[in-house]
Amino acid sequence: MADAATMTIKAVLLPDEIQKTLKDLSFEYTPANNTEGWYYKLTDVKTSSANLIDTGASYMQFGASTGADAAELMHTTSGADKIKFLFIKHTGYEDDGTTANTADSVYLNFDGTAAANDSTTCVEIGPNESWYGKPNCTIANMNCISGVKNKGGTSGVDKIQCIIAAIIDNI
């Protein structure tokens, strides 16, 4: 399925004494219909809470036809569009793409409230880490912020560069 999101993971969990390796785990999200499309962007997460995906951004919506020559249409995001699948990678760099940053994490929330690095409702993505899932929230409800890693309680000092790949449902 060329339009699907597929993740394959190998993970080693727990201390050495009781270690368990989980491998060949898979995750897939296949667009439900032609109202869904791919969004991809190198994004700078700011030191103040903001939407992860900007409204007014362009993305490729799947066409109504099927097969290798399916028409793809450009669409523009709105706050009401739903994020059906999200992959985010903290590159380990600040917004210039060359200055390493191992002190700050990215914090995401899905409920429309301001993201904060000391919030218990935010998902933390540390330097060189990635996260993926099916949030099924609107673009307006997904907020992010950079902040000191390990819920350090203070705002980050710099914008963090992230790779964002998402399947968005055009509402």
N, C-alpha and C. Protein backbone atom coordinates (compact mmCIF):
# COMPACT_ATOMS: atom_id res chain seq x y z
N MET A 1 0.84 -1.17 0.00
CA MET A 1 0.00 0.00 0.00
C MET A 1 0.88 1.23 0.00
N ALA A 2 1.01 1.84 -1.13
CA ALA A 2 1.93 2.96 -1.32
C ALA A 2 1.57 4.18 -0.47
N ASP A 3 0.30 4.40 -0.18
CA ASP A 3 -0.10 5.58 0.56
C ASP A 3 -0.15 5.37 2.07
N ALA A 4 0.06 4.16 2.54
CA ALA A 4 -0.05 3.83 3.96
C ALA A 4 1.20 4.25 4.73
N ALA A 5 1.03 4.46 6.02
CA ALA A 5 2.15 4.67 6.92
C ALA A 5 2.45 3.34 7.57
N THR A 6 3.68 2.86 7.45
CA THR A 6 4.07 1.59 8.04
C THR A 6 5.31 1.80 8.89
N MET A 7 5.29 1.35 10.15
CA MET A 7 6.42 1.47 11.05
C MET A 7 6.82 0.06 11.48
N THR A 8 8.11 -0.23 11.47
CA THR A 8 8.62 -1.50 11.97
C THR A 8 9.62 -1.17 13.07
N ILE A 9 9.50 -1.84 14.21
CA ILE A 9 10.27 -1.48 15.39
C ILE A 9 10.92 -2.71 16.02
N LYS A 10 12.12 -2.50 16.54
CA LYS A 10 12.76 -3.49 17.39
C LYS A 10 13.12 -2.74 18.67
N ALA A 11 12.72 -3.27 19.82
CA ALA A 11 12.95 -2.59 21.09
C ALA A 11 13.54 -3.56 22.10
N VAL A 12 14.47 -3.08 22.89
CA VAL A 12 15.01 -3.83 24.02
C VAL A 12 14.56 -3.10 25.27
N LEU A 13 13.83 -3.81 26.13
CA LEU A 13 13.24 -3.20 27.31
C LEU A 13 13.74 -3.85 28.58
N LEU A 14 13.66 -3.11 29.65
CA LEU A 14 13.92 -3.58 31.01
C LEU A 14 15.42 -3.74 31.30
N PRO A 15 15.78 -3.85 32.57
CA PRO A 15 17.19 -4.03 32.96
C PRO A 15 17.74 -5.37 32.45
N ASP A 16 19.06 -5.48 32.42
CA ASP A 16 19.72 -6.68 31.90
C ASP A 16 19.21 -7.99 32.52
N GLU A 17 18.92 -7.95 33.81
CA GLU A 17 18.52 -9.17 34.51
C GLU A 17 17.19 -9.74 34.00
N ILE A 18 16.31 -8.87 33.55
CA ILE A 18 15.00 -9.33 33.09
C ILE A 18 14.68 -8.78 31.69
N GLN A 19 15.72 -8.57 30.93
CA GLN A 19 15.58 -7.95 29.62
C GLN A 19 14.71 -8.76 28.66
N LYS A 20 13.94 -8.05 27.92
CA LYS A 20 13.08 -8.66 26.91
C LYS A 20 13.26 -7.88 25.61
N THR A 21 13.50 -8.58 24.54
CA THR A 21 13.60 -7.95 23.23
C THR A 21 12.29 -8.16 22.49
N LEU A 22 11.74 -7.08 22.06
CA LEU A 22 10.53 -7.12 21.25
C LEU A 22 10.96 -6.76 19.83
N LYS A 23 10.68 -7.62 18.90
CA LYS A 23 11.09 -7.32 17.53
C LYS A 23 9.96 -7.64 16.57
N ASP A 24 10.11 -7.12 15.39
CA ASP A 24 9.13 -7.29 14.33
C ASP A 24 7.76 -6.78 14.73
N LEU A 25 7.75 -5.75 15.57
CA LEU A 25 6.49 -5.08 15.89
C LEU A 25 6.13 -4.23 14.69
N SER A 26 4.89 -4.16 14.37
CA SER A 26 4.53 -3.32 13.23
C SER A 26 3.30 -2.50 13.54
N PHE A 27 3.18 -1.43 12.80
CA PHE A 27 2.09 -0.48 12.95
C PHE A 27 1.78 0.03 11.56
N GLU A 28 0.52 0.14 11.24
CA GLU A 28 0.17 0.64 9.92
C GLU A 28 -1.08 1.49 10.00
N TYR A 29 -1.08 2.54 9.24
CA TYR A 29 -2.29 3.33 9.07
C TYR A 29 -2.50 3.52 7.57
N THR A 30 -3.62 3.05 7.08
CA THR A 30 -3.97 3.20 5.67
C THR A 30 -5.07 4.24 5.58
N PRO A 31 -4.89 5.25 4.73
CA PRO A 31 -5.93 6.27 4.60
C PRO A 31 -7.30 5.65 4.32
N ALA A 32 -8.31 6.19 4.99
CA ALA A 32 -9.66 5.65 4.87
C ALA A 32 -10.30 5.97 3.53
N ASN A 33 -9.99 7.13 2.98
CA ASN A 33 -10.59 7.54 1.71
C ASN A 33 -9.78 8.69 1.12
N ASN A 34 -10.30 9.28 0.05
CA ASN A 34 -9.53 10.30 -0.64
C ASN A 34 -9.62 11.68 0.01
N THR A 35 -10.22 11.79 1.20
CA THR A 35 -10.18 13.07 1.92
C THR A 35 -8.93 13.17 2.80
N GLU A 36 -8.15 12.09 2.89
CA GLU A 36 -6.94 12.08 3.70
C GLU A 36 -5.71 12.22 2.82
N GLY A 37 -4.67 12.85 3.34
CA GLY A 37 -3.46 13.05 2.56
C GLY A 37 -2.24 13.23 3.44
N TRP A 38 -1.07 13.17 2.79
CA TRP A 38 0.21 13.27 3.48
C TRP A 38 0.65 14.71 3.66
N TYR A 39 1.14 15.00 4.87
CA TYR A 39 1.76 16.28 5.21
C TYR A 39 3.18 15.93 5.66
N TYR A 40 4.18 16.66 5.18
CA TYR A 40 5.56 16.43 5.58
C TYR A 40 6.24 17.78 5.68
N LYS A 41 6.97 18.01 6.79
CA LYS A 41 7.66 19.28 6.93
C LYS A 41 8.77 19.18 7.97
N LEU A 42 9.86 19.88 7.72
CA LEU A 42 10.88 20.11 8.72
C LEU A 42 10.39 21.32 9.52
N THR A 43 10.09 21.13 10.80
CA THR A 43 9.40 22.13 11.61
C THR A 43 10.27 22.56 12.78
N ASP A 44 10.21 23.84 13.11
CA ASP A 44 10.89 24.36 14.28
C ASP A 44 9.87 24.51 15.41
N VAL A 45 10.06 23.73 16.49
CA VAL A 45 9.19 23.82 17.65
C VAL A 45 9.70 24.96 18.52
N LYS A 46 8.81 25.87 18.84
CA LYS A 46 9.17 27.11 19.52
C LYS A 46 9.23 26.93 21.04
N THR A 47 9.71 27.98 21.71
CA THR A 47 9.81 27.99 23.18
C THR A 47 8.52 28.47 23.84
N SER A 48 7.50 28.74 23.03
CA SER A 48 6.17 29.04 23.57
C SER A 48 5.18 28.12 22.87
N SER A 49 4.10 27.78 23.55
CA SER A 49 3.14 26.82 23.03
C SER A 49 2.52 27.31 21.72
N ALA A 50 2.45 26.42 20.74
CA ALA A 50 1.86 26.72 19.43
C ALA A 50 1.40 25.42 18.80
N ASN A 51 0.59 25.53 17.75
CA ASN A 51 0.18 24.33 17.01
C ASN A 51 1.39 23.67 16.38
N LEU A 52 1.44 22.34 16.41
CA LEU A 52 2.53 21.61 15.76
C LEU A 52 2.47 21.78 14.25
N ILE A 53 1.27 21.69 13.69
CA ILE A 53 1.07 21.86 12.24
C ILE A 53 0.37 23.19 12.03
N ASP A 54 0.98 24.05 11.25
CA ASP A 54 0.41 25.37 11.00
C ASP A 54 -0.84 25.28 10.13
N THR A 55 -1.83 26.10 10.45
CA THR A 55 -2.97 26.19 9.55
C THR A 55 -2.53 27.00 8.33
N GLY A 56 -3.07 26.63 7.20
CA GLY A 56 -2.67 27.28 5.95
C GLY A 56 -1.52 26.60 5.25
N ALA A 57 -1.00 25.51 5.84
CA ALA A 57 0.10 24.76 5.22
C ALA A 57 -0.46 23.86 4.11
N SER A 58 0.34 23.60 3.10
CA SER A 58 -0.09 22.74 2.00
C SER A 58 0.24 21.29 2.29
N TYR A 59 -0.61 20.40 1.79
CA TYR A 59 -0.33 18.97 1.86
C TYR A 59 -0.99 18.27 0.69
N MET A 60 -0.53 17.04 0.41
CA MET A 60 -1.02 16.26 -0.72
C MET A 60 -2.21 15.42 -0.28
N GLN A 61 -3.34 15.63 -0.92
CA GLN A 61 -4.53 14.83 -0.63
C GLN A 61 -4.63 13.75 -1.68
N PHE A 62 -5.01 12.54 -1.27
CA PHE A 62 -5.12 11.44 -2.21
C PHE A 62 -6.28 11.68 -3.17
N GLY A 63 -6.08 11.30 -4.42
CA GLY A 63 -7.11 11.49 -5.43
C GLY A 63 -8.19 10.43 -5.34
N ALA A 64 -9.24 10.64 -6.10
CA ALA A 64 -10.38 9.72 -6.08
C ALA A 64 -10.09 8.44 -6.85
N SER A 65 -9.14 8.49 -7.78
CA SER A 65 -8.84 7.28 -8.56
C SER A 65 -7.91 6.38 -7.76
N THR A 66 -7.73 5.16 -8.22
CA THR A 66 -6.86 4.22 -7.53
C THR A 66 -5.75 3.79 -8.46
N GLY A 67 -4.74 3.17 -7.91
CA GLY A 67 -3.64 2.67 -8.71
C GLY A 67 -2.45 3.60 -8.68
N ALA A 68 -1.40 3.19 -9.39
CA ALA A 68 -0.14 3.91 -9.36
C ALA A 68 -0.25 5.33 -9.92
N ASP A 69 -1.21 5.58 -10.79
CA ASP A 69 -1.34 6.90 -11.39
C ASP A 69 -2.45 7.73 -10.75
N ALA A 70 -2.77 7.44 -9.49
CA ALA A 70 -3.84 8.16 -8.80
C ALA A 70 -3.51 9.65 -8.74
N ALA A 71 -4.52 10.47 -8.98
CA ALA A 71 -4.33 11.92 -8.94
C ALA A 71 -4.13 12.37 -7.50
N GLU A 72 -3.17 13.26 -7.29
CA GLU A 72 -2.96 13.84 -5.98
C GLU A 72 -3.24 15.32 -6.07
N LEU A 73 -3.94 15.85 -5.11
CA LEU A 73 -4.34 17.24 -5.11
C LEU A 73 -3.72 17.96 -3.93
N MET A 74 -3.31 19.19 -4.15
CA MET A 74 -2.78 19.99 -3.04
C MET A 74 -3.94 20.61 -2.28
N HIS A 75 -3.87 20.54 -0.96
CA HIS A 75 -4.88 21.16 -0.12
C HIS A 75 -4.18 21.98 0.95
N THR A 76 -4.95 22.78 1.63
CA THR A 76 -4.43 23.65 2.68
C THR A 76 -5.04 23.23 4.01
N THR A 77 -4.21 23.16 5.04
CA THR A 77 -4.68 22.74 6.36
C THR A 77 -5.55 23.81 6.99
N SER A 78 -6.51 23.33 7.77
CA SER A 78 -7.32 24.23 8.61
C SER A 78 -7.30 23.67 10.03
N GLY A 79 -7.66 24.49 10.98
CA GLY A 79 -7.66 24.05 12.38
C GLY A 79 -8.60 22.89 12.64
N ALA A 80 -9.64 22.74 11.81
CA ALA A 80 -10.62 21.67 11.99
C ALA A 80 -10.18 20.34 11.39
N ASP A 81 -9.15 20.35 10.54
CA ASP A 81 -8.66 19.10 9.94
C ASP A 81 -8.15 18.17 11.03
N LYS A 82 -8.37 16.87 10.84
CA LYS A 82 -7.95 15.89 11.85
C LYS A 82 -6.61 15.25 11.48
N ILE A 83 -5.80 15.05 12.50
CA ILE A 83 -4.52 14.35 12.35
C ILE A 83 -4.80 12.89 12.64
N LYS A 84 -4.81 12.07 11.59
CA LYS A 84 -5.15 10.65 11.73
C LYS A 84 -3.92 9.81 12.09
N PHE A 85 -2.76 10.22 11.62
CA PHE A 85 -1.49 9.54 11.91
C PHE A 85 -0.44 10.63 12.05
N LEU A 86 0.47 10.45 13.03
CA LEU A 86 1.54 11.42 13.24
C LEU A 86 2.84 10.70 13.54
N PHE A 87 3.90 11.14 12.88
CA PHE A 87 5.27 10.73 13.20
C PHE A 87 6.03 12.02 13.42
N ILE A 88 6.75 12.10 14.56
CA ILE A 88 7.58 13.26 14.85
C ILE A 88 8.95 12.78 15.30
N LYS A 89 10.00 13.37 14.76
CA LYS A 89 11.38 13.03 15.11
C LYS A 89 12.09 14.30 15.57
N HIS A 90 12.58 14.30 16.80
CA HIS A 90 13.42 15.37 17.34
C HIS A 90 14.79 15.14 16.73
N THR A 91 15.25 16.05 15.88
CA THR A 91 16.51 15.83 15.15
C THR A 91 17.75 15.93 16.02
N GLY A 92 17.60 16.49 17.23
CA GLY A 92 18.78 16.71 18.08
C GLY A 92 19.47 18.02 17.76
N TYR A 93 18.81 18.85 16.93
CA TYR A 93 19.39 20.12 16.52
C TYR A 93 18.43 21.27 16.78
N GLU A 94 19.03 22.45 16.92
CA GLU A 94 18.23 23.67 17.02
C GLU A 94 17.73 24.05 15.63
N ASP A 95 17.00 25.15 15.56
CA ASP A 95 16.35 25.53 14.31
C ASP A 95 17.30 25.83 13.16
N ASP A 96 18.58 26.07 13.44
CA ASP A 96 19.52 26.32 12.35
C ASP A 96 19.96 25.03 11.66
N GLY A 97 19.65 23.88 12.26
CA GLY A 97 19.98 22.59 11.65
C GLY A 97 21.42 22.16 11.83
N THR A 98 22.25 22.97 12.50
CA THR A 98 23.66 22.61 12.68
C THR A 98 24.10 22.62 14.15
N THR A 99 23.39 23.36 15.00
CA THR A 99 23.75 23.45 16.41
C THR A 99 23.06 22.33 17.17
N ALA A 100 23.87 21.43 17.74
CA ALA A 100 23.31 20.30 18.49
C ALA A 100 22.59 20.79 19.73
N ASN A 101 21.51 20.11 20.08
CA ASN A 101 20.79 20.42 21.31
C ASN A 101 20.38 19.11 21.97
N THR A 102 21.07 18.78 23.05
CA THR A 102 20.74 17.57 23.81
C THR A 102 20.12 17.91 25.16
N ALA A 103 19.86 19.19 25.41
CA ALA A 103 19.31 19.62 26.69
C ALA A 103 17.79 19.79 26.67
N ASP A 104 17.22 19.96 25.47
CA ASP A 104 15.80 20.27 25.37
C ASP A 104 15.02 19.16 24.68
N SER A 105 13.80 18.97 25.14
CA SER A 105 12.86 18.02 24.54
C SER A 105 11.73 18.80 23.87
N VAL A 106 10.91 18.07 23.14
CA VAL A 106 9.69 18.61 22.57
C VAL A 106 8.54 17.98 23.34
N TYR A 107 7.55 18.79 23.70
CA TYR A 107 6.39 18.33 24.45
C TYR A 107 5.14 18.54 23.62
N LEU A 108 4.32 17.50 23.49
CA LEU A 108 3.08 17.54 22.69
C LEU A 108 1.87 17.30 23.57
N ASN A 109 0.79 18.03 23.29
CA ASN A 109 -0.48 17.65 23.88
C ASN A 109 -1.54 17.64 22.79
N PHE A 110 -2.66 17.02 23.07
CA PHE A 110 -3.67 16.73 22.06
C PHE A 110 -5.04 17.29 22.41
N ASP A 111 -5.15 18.08 23.48
CA ASP A 111 -6.46 18.49 23.96
C ASP A 111 -6.77 19.97 23.80
N GLY A 112 -5.91 20.70 23.09
CA GLY A 112 -6.18 22.11 22.83
C GLY A 112 -5.67 23.06 23.89
N THR A 113 -5.17 22.54 25.01
CA THR A 113 -4.60 23.42 26.03
C THR A 113 -3.16 23.73 25.66
N ALA A 114 -2.61 24.72 26.29
CA ALA A 114 -1.23 25.11 26.02
C ALA A 114 -0.28 23.97 26.43
N ALA A 115 0.68 23.68 25.57
CA ALA A 115 1.69 22.68 25.90
C ALA A 115 2.68 23.29 26.89
N ALA A 116 3.14 22.47 27.82
CA ALA A 116 4.11 22.93 28.83
C ALA A 116 5.02 21.76 29.18
N ASN A 117 6.31 22.05 29.37
CA ASN A 117 7.25 20.97 29.64
C ASN A 117 7.11 20.37 31.03
N ASP A 118 6.32 20.99 31.89
CA ASP A 118 6.10 20.38 33.20
C ASP A 118 4.70 19.80 33.34
N SER A 119 3.99 19.69 32.21
CA SER A 119 2.62 19.17 32.23
C SER A 119 2.61 17.65 32.29
N THR A 120 1.68 17.11 33.05
CA THR A 120 1.54 15.65 33.11
C THR A 120 0.74 15.12 31.92
N THR A 121 0.16 16.00 31.12
CA THR A 121 -0.64 15.55 29.98
C THR A 121 0.12 15.61 28.66
N CYS A 122 1.36 16.05 28.68
CA CYS A 122 2.15 16.16 27.45
C CYS A 122 3.04 14.93 27.26
N VAL A 123 3.19 14.54 26.01
CA VAL A 123 4.14 13.50 25.62
C VAL A 123 5.48 14.17 25.41
N GLU A 124 6.55 13.61 25.97
CA GLU A 124 7.89 14.17 25.81
C GLU A 124 8.65 13.39 24.75
N ILE A 125 9.30 14.12 23.85
CA ILE A 125 10.15 13.53 22.81
C ILE A 125 11.52 14.16 22.98
N GLY A 126 12.47 13.36 23.45
CA GLY A 126 13.81 13.85 23.75
C GLY A 126 14.68 13.94 22.52
N PRO A 127 15.90 14.47 22.68
CA PRO A 127 16.83 14.59 21.57
C PRO A 127 17.06 13.24 20.88
N ASN A 128 16.92 13.23 19.56
CA ASN A 128 17.11 12.06 18.70
C ASN A 128 16.08 10.97 18.93
N GLU A 129 15.01 11.28 19.62
CA GLU A 129 13.91 10.33 19.80
C GLU A 129 12.81 10.62 18.80
N SER A 130 11.95 9.64 18.61
CA SER A 130 10.78 9.85 17.75
C SER A 130 9.56 9.28 18.46
N TRP A 131 8.40 9.71 17.98
CA TRP A 131 7.12 9.25 18.52
C TRP A 131 6.16 9.15 17.35
N TYR A 132 5.28 8.17 17.42
CA TYR A 132 4.24 8.07 16.40
C TYR A 132 2.98 7.50 17.02
N GLY A 133 1.88 7.81 16.39
CA GLY A 133 0.60 7.30 16.88
C GLY A 133 -0.54 7.83 16.02
N LYS A 134 -1.74 7.48 16.45
CA LYS A 134 -2.95 7.91 15.77
C LYS A 134 -3.73 8.83 16.72
N PRO A 135 -3.38 10.11 16.78
CA PRO A 135 -4.01 10.99 17.77
C PRO A 135 -5.48 11.31 17.49
N ASN A 136 -5.87 11.34 16.22
CA ASN A 136 -7.25 11.63 15.82
C ASN A 136 -7.77 12.91 16.48
N CYS A 137 -6.90 13.90 16.62
CA CYS A 137 -7.30 15.20 17.15
C CYS A 137 -7.20 16.22 16.02
N THR A 138 -7.78 17.38 16.23
CA THR A 138 -7.69 18.41 15.21
C THR A 138 -6.33 19.09 15.25
N ILE A 139 -6.01 19.74 14.15
CA ILE A 139 -4.76 20.51 14.09
C ILE A 139 -4.78 21.59 15.17
N ALA A 140 -5.93 22.22 15.39
CA ALA A 140 -6.04 23.28 16.40
C ALA A 140 -5.81 22.75 17.81
N ASN A 141 -6.05 21.46 18.05
CA ASN A 141 -5.89 20.90 19.40
C ASN A 141 -4.52 20.32 19.68
N MET A 142 -3.66 20.18 18.65
CA MET A 142 -2.32 19.61 18.88
C MET A 142 -1.31 20.73 19.05
N ASN A 143 -0.89 20.92 20.29
CA ASN A 143 0.06 21.98 20.60
C ASN A 143 1.40 21.39 21.02
N CYS A 144 2.46 22.19 20.85
CA CYS A 144 3.81 21.73 21.19
C CYS A 144 4.63 22.89 21.73
N ILE A 145 5.71 22.53 22.40
CA ILE A 145 6.65 23.51 22.95
C ILE A 145 7.99 22.82 23.15
N SER A 146 9.09 23.58 23.07
CA SER A 146 10.38 23.02 23.47
C SER A 146 10.61 23.38 24.92
N GLY A 147 11.26 22.51 25.65
CA GLY A 147 11.53 22.74 27.06
C GLY A 147 12.64 21.84 27.54
N VAL A 148 13.16 22.13 28.70
CA VAL A 148 14.23 21.32 29.28
C VAL A 148 13.77 19.87 29.36
N LYS A 149 14.66 18.95 28.97
CA LYS A 149 14.26 17.53 28.94
C LYS A 149 13.99 16.99 30.33
N ASN A 150 13.35 15.84 30.35
CA ASN A 150 12.95 15.16 31.58
C ASN A 150 12.04 16.03 32.44
N LYS A 151 11.15 16.76 31.76
CA LYS A 151 10.18 17.64 32.43
C LYS A 151 10.88 18.54 33.43
N GLY A 152 11.94 19.21 32.95
CA GLY A 152 12.79 20.04 33.78
C GLY A 152 12.14 21.25 34.40
N GLY A 153 10.92 21.59 33.98
CA GLY A 153 10.20 22.66 34.65
C GLY A 153 10.45 24.05 34.11
N THR A 154 11.34 24.19 33.13
CA THR A 154 11.56 25.51 32.55
C THR A 154 11.48 25.41 31.03
N SER A 155 11.21 26.53 30.42
CA SER A 155 11.13 26.56 28.96
C SER A 155 12.49 26.28 28.36
N GLY A 156 12.48 25.76 27.15
CA GLY A 156 13.72 25.56 26.42
C GLY A 156 14.32 26.89 26.04
N VAL A 157 15.60 26.89 25.75
CA VAL A 157 16.25 28.14 25.38
C VAL A 157 16.25 28.35 23.87
N ASP A 158 15.98 27.31 23.12
CA ASP A 158 16.04 27.42 21.67
C ASP A 158 14.90 26.66 21.01
N LYS A 159 14.64 27.03 19.77
CA LYS A 159 13.71 26.28 18.95
C LYS A 159 14.37 24.95 18.60
N ILE A 160 13.57 23.89 18.52
CA ILE A 160 14.06 22.56 18.21
C ILE A 160 13.57 22.15 16.83
N GLN A 161 14.47 21.64 16.01
CA GLN A 161 14.12 21.19 14.66
C GLN A 161 13.56 19.77 14.72
N CYS A 162 12.40 19.57 14.12
CA CYS A 162 11.74 18.26 14.10
C CYS A 162 11.29 17.91 12.70
N ILE A 163 11.28 16.63 12.42
CA ILE A 163 10.70 16.12 11.18
C ILE A 163 9.28 15.69 11.50
N ILE A 164 8.33 16.20 10.75
CA ILE A 164 6.92 15.88 10.95
C ILE A 164 6.40 15.19 9.70
N ALA A 165 5.78 14.03 9.88
CA ALA A 165 5.05 13.36 8.80
C ALA A 165 3.69 13.00 9.37
N ALA A 166 2.65 13.36 8.65
CA ALA A 166 1.30 13.12 9.17
C ALA A 166 0.34 12.79 8.04
N ILE A 167 -0.69 12.05 8.38
CA ILE A 167 -1.82 11.89 7.46
C ILE A 167 -2.94 12.73 8.05
N ILE A 168 -3.42 13.66 7.23
CA ILE A 168 -4.43 14.61 7.66
C ILE A 168 -5.72 14.35 6.90
N ASP A 169 -6.82 14.41 7.64
CA ASP A 169 -8.15 14.28 7.04
C ASP A 169 -8.70 15.68 6.81
N ASN A 170 -8.96 15.98 5.55
CA ASN A 170 -9.48 17.29 5.15
C ASN A 170 -10.95 17.38 5.55
N ILE A 171 -11.23 18.12 6.61
CA ILE A 171 -12.60 18.24 7.12
C ILE A 171 -13.29 19.43 6.46
